[in-house]
PDB file of N, CA and C in Angstrom:
ATOM      1  N   MET A   1       1.060   9.097  36.243  1.00  0.00           N
ATOM      2  CA  MET A   1      -0.544   9.145  36.769  1.00  0.00           C
ATOM      3  C   MET A   1      -1.629   8.267  37.463  1.00  0.00           C
ATOM      4  N   THR A   2      -1.741   7.620  36.057  1.00  0.00           N
ATOM      5  CA  THR A   2      -2.985   6.952  35.673  1.00  0.00           C
ATOM      6  C   THR A   2      -2.372   5.496  36.631  1.00  0.00           C
ATOM      7  N   GLY A   3      -1.243   5.133  36.806  1.00  0.00           N
ATOM      8  CA  GLY A   3      -0.624   3.739  37.947  1.00  0.00           C
ATOM      9  C   GLY A   3      -1.320   3.848  39.465  1.00  0.00           C
ATOM     10  N   ILE A   4      -0.984   5.163  40.177  1.00  0.00           N
ATOM     11  CA  ILE A   4      -1.298   6.086  41.053  1.00  0.00           C
ATOM     12  C   ILE A   4      -2.434   6.009  41.513  1.00  0.00           C
ATOM     13  N   LEU A   5      -3.425   6.514  40.407  1.00  0.00           N
ATOM     14  CA  LEU A   5      -4.937   6.668  40.711  1.00  0.00           C
ATOM     15  C   LEU A   5      -5.929   5.321  40.539  1.00  0.00           C
ATOM     16  N   LEU A   6      -4.945   4.268  39.812  1.00  0.00           N
ATOM     17  CA  LEU A   6      -5.720   2.390  39.979  1.00  0.00           C
ATOM     18  C   LEU A   6      -4.566   1.785  41.244  1.00  0.00           C
ATOM     19  N   PHE A   7      -4.095   2.429  41.398  1.00  0.00           N
ATOM     20  CA  PHE A   7      -3.929   1.653  42.974  1.00  0.00           C
ATOM     21  C   PHE A   7      -4.312   2.245  44.186  1.00  0.00           C
ATOM     22  N   ILE A   8      -4.939   3.664  44.055  1.00  0.00           N
ATOM     23  CA  ILE A   8      -5.911   4.055  45.324  1.00  0.00           C
ATOM     24  C   ILE A   8      -7.170   3.899  45.029  1.00  0.00           C
ATOM     25  N   TRP A   9      -7.971   3.003  43.951  1.00  0.00           N
ATOM     26  CA  TRP A   9      -8.738   2.421  43.851  1.00  0.00           C
ATOM     27  C   TRP A   9      -8.865   1.152  44.176  1.00  0.00           C
ATOM     28  N   PHE A  10      -7.533   0.219  44.096  1.00  0.00           N
ATOM     29  CA  PHE A  10      -6.870  -1.135  43.910  1.00  0.00           C
ATOM     30  C   PHE A  10      -7.314  -0.791  46.131  1.00  0.00           C
ATOM     31  N   VAL A  11      -6.776  -0.038  46.364  1.00  0.00           N
ATOM     32  CA  VAL A  11      -6.863   0.000  47.846  1.00  0.00           C
ATOM     33  C   VAL A  11      -8.390   0.550  48.170  1.00  0.00           C
ATOM     34  N   VAL A  12      -8.944   1.160  47.559  1.00  0.00           N
ATOM     35  CA  VAL A  12      -9.867   1.071  48.418  1.00  0.00           C
ATOM     36  C   VAL A  12     -11.302   0.776  47.998  1.00  0.00           C
ATOM     37  N   THR A  13     -11.107  -0.079  47.035  1.00  0.00           N
ATOM     38  CA  THR A  13     -11.875  -1.137  46.745  1.00  0.00           C
ATOM     39  C   THR A  13     -11.885  -2.779  47.222  1.00  0.00           C
ATOM     40  N   PHE A  14     -10.501  -3.683  47.328  1.00  0.00           N
ATOM     41  CA  PHE A  14     -10.156  -4.499  47.771  1.00  0.00           C
ATOM     42  C   PHE A  14      -9.662  -4.449  49.062  1.00  0.00           C
ATOM     43  N   VAL A  15      -8.530  -3.384  49.593  1.00  0.00           N
ATOM     44  CA  VAL A  15      -7.991  -3.744  50.517  1.00  0.00           C
ATOM     45  C   VAL A  15      -8.995  -3.726  51.554  1.00  0.00           C
ATOM     46  N   ALA A  16      -9.499  -2.060  51.458  1.00  0.00           N
ATOM     47  CA  ALA A  16     -10.603  -1.973  52.495  1.00  0.00           C
ATOM     48  C   ALA A  16     -11.573  -2.979  52.800  1.00  0.00           C
ATOM     49  N   SER A  17     -11.854  -3.539  51.687  1.00  0.00           N
ATOM     50  CA  SER A  17     -13.009  -4.569  51.885  1.00  0.00           C
ATOM     51  C   SER A  17     -12.677  -5.519  52.884  1.00  0.00           C
ATOM     52  N   PHE A  18     -11.208  -6.156  52.018  1.00  0.00           N
ATOM     53  CA  PHE A  18     -10.174  -7.757  53.226  1.00  0.00           C
ATOM     54  C   PHE A  18     -10.519  -6.958  54.252  1.00  0.00           C
ATOM     55  N   TYR A  19      -9.860  -5.981  54.645  1.00  0.00           N
ATOM     56  CA  TYR A  19      -9.906  -5.349  56.376  1.00  0.00           C
ATOM     57  C   TYR A  19     -11.033  -5.104  56.678  1.00  0.00           C
ATOM     58  N   ALA A  20     -12.030  -5.315  56.470  1.00  0.00           N
ATOM     59  CA  ALA A  20     -12.854  -4.651  57.302  1.00  0.00           C
ATOM     60  C   ALA A  20     -13.352  -4.937  58.512  1.00  0.00           C
ATOM     61  N   ARG A  21     -12.966  -5.921  58.822  1.00  0.00           N
ATOM     62  CA  ARG A  21     -13.977  -6.122  60.401  1.00  0.00           C
ATOM     63  C   ARG A  21     -12.137  -5.527  61.107  1.00  0.00           C
ATOM     64  N   GLU A  22     -11.299  -5.258  61.152  1.00  0.00           N
ATOM     65  CA  GLU A  22     -10.285  -4.607  61.404  1.00  0.00           C
ATOM     66  C   GLU A  22     -10.434  -3.170  61.177  1.00  0.00           C
ATOM     67  N   LEU A  23     -10.769  -2.527  60.367  1.00  0.00           N
ATOM     68  CA  LEU A  23     -11.385  -1.245  59.952  1.00  0.00           C
ATOM     69  C   LEU A  23     -12.373  -0.748  61.011  1.00  0.00           C
ATOM     70  N   ASN A  24     -13.409  -1.687  61.455  1.00  0.00           N
ATOM     71  CA  ASN A  24     -14.595  -1.165  62.002  1.00  0.00           C
ATOM     72  C   ASN A  24     -14.631  -0.393  63.663  1.00  0.00           C
ATOM     73  N   SER A  25     -13.117  -1.363  63.855  1.00  0.00           N
ATOM     74  CA  SER A  25     -12.607  -0.724  65.539  1.00  0.00           C
ATOM     75  C   SER A  25     -12.399   0.809  65.563  1.00  0.00           C
ATOM     76  N   VAL A  26     -12.178   1.297  64.250  1.00  0.00           N
ATOM     77  CA  VAL A  26     -12.348   3.213  64.071  1.00  0.00           C
ATOM     78  C   VAL A  26     -13.489   3.357  63.538  1.00  0.00           C
ATOM     79  N   VAL A  27     -13.990   4.819  63.869  1.00  0.00           N
ATOM     80  CA  VAL A  27     -15.571   5.205  64.241  1.00  0.00           C
ATOM     81  C   VAL A  27     -15.139   6.659  63.456  1.00  0.00           C
ATOM     82  N   ILE A  28     -16.277   6.671  62.417  1.00  0.00           N
ATOM     83  CA  ILE A  28     -15.807   7.832  61.805  1.00  0.00           C
ATOM     84  C   ILE A  28     -17.501   8.381  61.564  1.00  0.00           C
ATOM     85  N   LEU A  29     -18.482   9.989  62.106  1.00  0.00           N
ATOM     86  CA  LEU A  29     -19.094  10.021  61.913  1.00  0.00           C
ATOM     87  C   LEU A  29     -20.519   8.739  62.506  1.00  0.00           C
ATOM     88  N   GLY A  30     -19.729   8.576  63.971  1.00  0.00           N
ATOM     89  CA  GLY A  30     -20.820   7.607  64.065  1.00  0.00           C
ATOM     90  C   GLY A  30     -20.297   6.126  63.321  1.00  0.00           C
ATOM     91  N   PHE A  31     -20.450   6.222  62.376  1.00  0.00           N
ATOM     92  CA  PHE A  31     -20.517   3.937  61.742  1.00  0.00           C
ATOM     93  C   PHE A  31     -18.741   4.101  61.567  1.00  0.00           C
ATOM     94  N   PRO A  32     -18.756   2.686  61.756  1.00  0.00           N
ATOM     95  CA  PRO A  32     -17.828   1.948  62.316  1.00  0.00           C
ATOM     96  C   PRO A  32     -16.796   2.081  60.734  1.00  0.00           C
ATOM     97  N   LEU A  33     -15.147   2.087  60.456  1.00  0.00           N
ATOM     98  CA  LEU A  33     -15.074   2.661  58.785  1.00  0.00           C
ATOM     99  C   LEU A  33     -15.189   1.586  58.165  1.00  0.00           C
ATOM    100  N   GLY A  34     -14.901   0.046  58.297  1.00  0.00           N
ATOM    101  CA  GLY A  34     -15.344  -0.685  57.553  1.00  0.00           C
ATOM    102  C   GLY A  34     -16.751  -0.416  56.386  1.00  0.00           C
ATOM    103  N   PHE A  35     -17.874  -0.272  57.688  1.00  0.00           N
ATOM    104  CA  PHE A  35     -19.206  -0.182  57.069  1.00  0.00           C
ATOM    105  C   PHE A  35     -18.988   0.925  56.229  1.00  0.00           C
ATOM    106  N   TYR A  36     -18.803   1.746  56.855  1.00  0.00           N
ATOM    107  CA  TYR A  36     -18.663   3.685  55.937  1.00  0.00           C
ATOM    108  C   TYR A  36     -18.158   3.546  54.784  1.00  0.00           C
ATOM    109  N   MET A  37     -16.985   2.807  54.792  1.00  0.00           N
ATOM    110  CA  MET A  37     -16.392   2.902  53.572  1.00  0.00           C
ATOM    111  C   MET A  37     -17.025   1.755  52.634  1.00  0.00           C
ATOM    112  N   GLY A  38     -17.550   0.646  53.109  1.00  0.00           N
ATOM    113  CA  GLY A  38     -18.112  -0.227  51.650  1.00  0.00           C
ATOM    114  C   GLY A  38     -20.133   0.944  51.371  1.00  0.00           C
ATOM    115  N   ALA A  39     -20.275   1.488  52.402  1.00  0.00           N
ATOM    116  CA  ALA A  39     -21.380   2.065  51.887  1.00  0.00           C
ATOM    117  C   ALA A  39     -21.599   3.408  51.401  1.00  0.00           C
ATOM    118  N   GLN A  40     -20.994   4.560  51.734  1.00  0.00           N
ATOM    119  CA  GLN A  40     -20.688   5.488  50.943  1.00  0.00           C
ATOM    120  C   GLN A  40     -19.100   6.263  50.857  1.00  0.00           C
ATOM    121  N   GLY A  41     -18.160   5.897  51.943  1.00  0.00           N
ATOM    122  CA  GLY A  41     -16.276   6.195  51.537  1.00  0.00           C
ATOM    123  C   GLY A  41     -15.682   6.051  50.451  1.00  0.00           C
ATOM    124  N   SER A  42     -16.057   5.038  49.478  1.00  0.00           N
ATOM    125  CA  SER A  42     -15.682   3.974  48.505  1.00  0.00           C
ATOM    126  C   SER A  42     -16.123   5.153  47.306  1.00  0.00           C
ATOM    127  N   LEU A  43     -17.928   5.095  47.583  1.00  0.00           N
ATOM    128  CA  LEU A  43     -18.074   6.193  46.364  1.00  0.00           C
ATOM    129  C   LEU A  43     -17.697   7.193  46.181  1.00  0.00           C
ATOM    130  N   VAL A  44     -17.506   8.410  47.458  1.00  0.00           N
ATOM    131  CA  VAL A  44     -16.457   9.514  47.152  1.00  0.00           C
ATOM    132  C   VAL A  44     -15.044   9.251  46.958  1.00  0.00           C
ATOM    133  N   VAL A  45     -14.233   8.127  47.383  1.00  0.00           N
ATOM    134  CA  VAL A  45     -13.122   8.195  46.572  1.00  0.00           C
ATOM    135  C   VAL A  45     -13.365   8.226  45.493  1.00  0.00           C
ATOM    136  N   TYR A  46     -13.958   7.415  44.449  1.00  0.00           N
ATOM    137  CA  TYR A  46     -14.350   7.096  43.234  1.00  0.00           C
ATOM    138  C   TYR A  46     -14.515   8.336  42.669  1.00  0.00           C
ATOM    139  N   VAL A  47     -15.581   9.161  43.324  1.00  0.00           N
ATOM    140  CA  VAL A  47     -16.029  10.201  42.256  1.00  0.00           C
ATOM    141  C   VAL A  47     -14.697  11.263  42.375  1.00  0.00           C
ATOM    142  N   LEU A  48     -13.836  11.326  43.245  1.00  0.00           N
ATOM    143  CA  LEU A  48     -12.769  11.845  43.806  1.00  0.00           C
ATOM    144  C   LEU A  48     -11.749  11.613  42.402  1.00  0.00           C
ATOM    145  N   ILE A  49     -11.410  10.462  42.091  1.00  0.00           N
ATOM    146  CA  ILE A  49     -10.422   9.930  41.551  1.00  0.00           C
ATOM    147  C   ILE A  49     -11.011  10.322  39.815  1.00  0.00           C
ATOM    148  N   ILE A  50     -12.213  10.277  39.247  1.00  0.00           N
ATOM    149  CA  ILE A  50     -12.967  10.799  38.223  1.00  0.00           C
ATOM    150  C   ILE A  50     -12.704  11.924  38.435  1.00  0.00           C
ATOM    151  N   TRP A  51     -12.567  12.992  38.894  1.00  0.00           N
ATOM    152  CA  TRP A  51     -12.978  14.642  38.973  1.00  0.00           C
ATOM    153  C   TRP A  51     -11.686  14.575  39.034  1.00  0.00           C
ATOM    154  N   TYR A  52     -10.458  14.015  39.756  1.00  0.00           N
ATOM    155  CA  TYR A  52      -8.536  14.616  39.498  1.00  0.00           C
ATOM    156  C   TYR A  52      -8.473  14.234  37.921  1.00  0.00           C
ATOM    157  N   TYR A  53      -9.638  12.934  37.138  1.00  0.00           N
ATOM    158  CA  TYR A  53      -8.553  12.307  36.317  1.00  0.00           C
ATOM    159  C   TYR A  53      -9.166  13.161  35.234  1.00  0.00           C
ATOM    160  N   ALA A  54     -10.555  13.741  34.942  1.00  0.00           N
ATOM    161  CA  ALA A  54     -10.997  14.270  34.409  1.00  0.00           C
ATOM    162  C   ALA A  54     -10.110  15.699  34.145  1.00  0.00           C
ATOM    163  N   ARG A  55     -10.278  15.893  35.364  1.00  0.00           N
ATOM    164  CA  ARG A  55      -8.929  18.006  35.493  1.00  0.00           C
ATOM    165  C   ARG A  55      -7.948  17.930  34.875  1.00  0.00           C
ATOM    166  N   TYR A  56      -7.195  16.264  34.915  1.00  0.00           N
ATOM    167  CA  TYR A  56      -5.784  16.016  34.526  1.00  0.00           C
ATOM    168  C   TYR A  56      -5.368  15.799  32.996  1.00  0.00           C
ATOM    169  N   MET A  57      -6.920  15.349  32.528  1.00  0.00           N
ATOM    170  CA  MET A  57      -6.299  14.722  31.611  1.00  0.00           C
ATOM    171  C   MET A  57      -6.622  16.411  30.393  1.00  0.00           C
ATOM    172  N   ASN A  58      -7.819  17.386  30.895  1.00  0.00           N
ATOM    173  CA  ASN A  58      -7.968  18.488  30.472  1.00  0.00           C
ATOM    174  C   ASN A  58      -6.813  19.076  29.977  1.00  0.00           C
ATOM    175  N   LYS A  59      -6.206  19.218  30.761  1.00  0.00           N
ATOM    176  CA  LYS A  59      -4.809  20.217  31.597  1.00  0.00           C
ATOM    177  C   LYS A  59      -4.055  19.171  30.292  1.00  0.00           C
ATOM    178  N   LEU A  60      -4.136  18.076  30.481  1.00  0.00           N
ATOM    179  CA  LEU A  60      -2.786  17.755  28.967  1.00  0.00           C
ATOM    180  C   LEU A  60      -3.675  18.282  27.782  1.00  0.00           C
ATOM    181  N   ASP A  61      -4.592  17.672  27.203  1.00  0.00           N
ATOM    182  CA  ASP A  61      -5.028  18.203  25.898  1.00  0.00           C
ATOM    183  C   ASP A  61      -4.867  20.071  26.185  1.00  0.00           C
ATOM    184  N   GLN A  62      -5.419  21.103  26.447  1.00  0.00           N
ATOM    185  CA  GLN A  62      -5.135  21.578  26.286  1.00  0.00           C
ATOM    186  C   GLN A  62      -3.478  22.699  26.416  1.00  0.00           C
ATOM    187  N   GLU A  63      -2.383  21.447  26.699  1.00  0.00           N
ATOM    188  CA  GLU A  63      -1.141  21.933  26.610  1.00  0.00           C
ATOM    189  C   GLU A  63      -0.814  20.504  25.951  1.00  0.00           C
ATOM    190  N   TYR A  64      -1.413  20.507  25.105  1.00  0.00           N
ATOM    191  CA  TYR A  64      -1.104  19.769  23.488  1.00  0.00           C
ATOM    192  C   TYR A  64      -1.657  20.592  22.703  1.00  0.00           C
ATOM    193  N   GLY A  65      -2.980  20.803  22.583  1.00  0.00           N
ATOM    194  CA  GLY A  65      -3.903  21.871  21.384  1.00  0.00           C
ATOM    195  C   GLY A  65      -4.718  21.079  21.265  1.00  0.00           C
ATOM    196  N   VAL A  66      -4.965  19.914  21.585  1.00  0.00           N
ATOM    197  CA  VAL A  66      -6.256  19.134  21.171  1.00  0.00           C
ATOM    198  C   VAL A  66      -7.718  18.898  21.991  1.00  0.00           C
ATOM    199  N   HIS A  67      -7.357  20.134  22.699  1.00  0.00           N
ATOM    200  CA  HIS A  67      -8.697  20.377  23.693  1.00  0.00           C
ATOM    201  C   HIS A  67     -10.021  20.393  22.786  1.00  0.00           C
ATOM    202  N   GLU A  68     -10.867  19.733  23.194  1.00  0.00           N
ATOM    203  CA  GLU A  68     -12.627  19.678  22.669  1.00  0.00           C
ATOM    204  C   GLU A  68     -13.031  21.220  23.465  1.00  0.00           C
ATOM    205  N   GLY A  69     -12.961  22.186  23.605  1.00  0.00           N
ATOM    206  CA  GLY A  69     -13.673  23.110  24.282  1.00  0.00           C
ATOM    207  C   GLY A  69     -13.764  24.293  23.656  1.00  0.00           C
ATOM    208  N   GLU A  70     -14.360  25.071  23.749  1.00  0.00           N
ATOM    209  CA  GLU A  70     -14.546  25.971  23.056  1.00  0.00           C
ATOM    210  C   GLU A  70     -13.159  26.979  22.712  1.00  0.00           C
ATOM    211  N   ASP A  71     -13.124  27.571  21.750  1.00  0.00           N
ATOM    212  CA  ASP A  71     -11.989  27.772  21.026  1.00  0.00           C
ATOM    213  C   ASP A  71     -11.940  29.461  21.914  1.00  0.00           C
ATOM    214  N   ASP A  72     -10.653  29.458  22.343  1.00  0.00           N
ATOM    215  CA  ASP A  72     -10.076  30.644  22.803  1.00  0.00           C
ATOM    216  C   ASP A  72     -10.095  32.323  22.437  1.00  0.00           C
TER     217      ASP A  72
END
């Protein structure tokens, strides 16, 4: 799972930046995609990656009985 999330991070960070000129031919919400990914889109993807990773790790913690939350 971590490898997949790192791959997504790498694509969003480096590949999108490298191909920004080509991505600018696509327009999202009135902005060129390359600009949008640099200004806001990458940040949205980072937040989603963090949210999913935290949720996945909490699920594993509960599965193995090492969670730090309130006792049930």
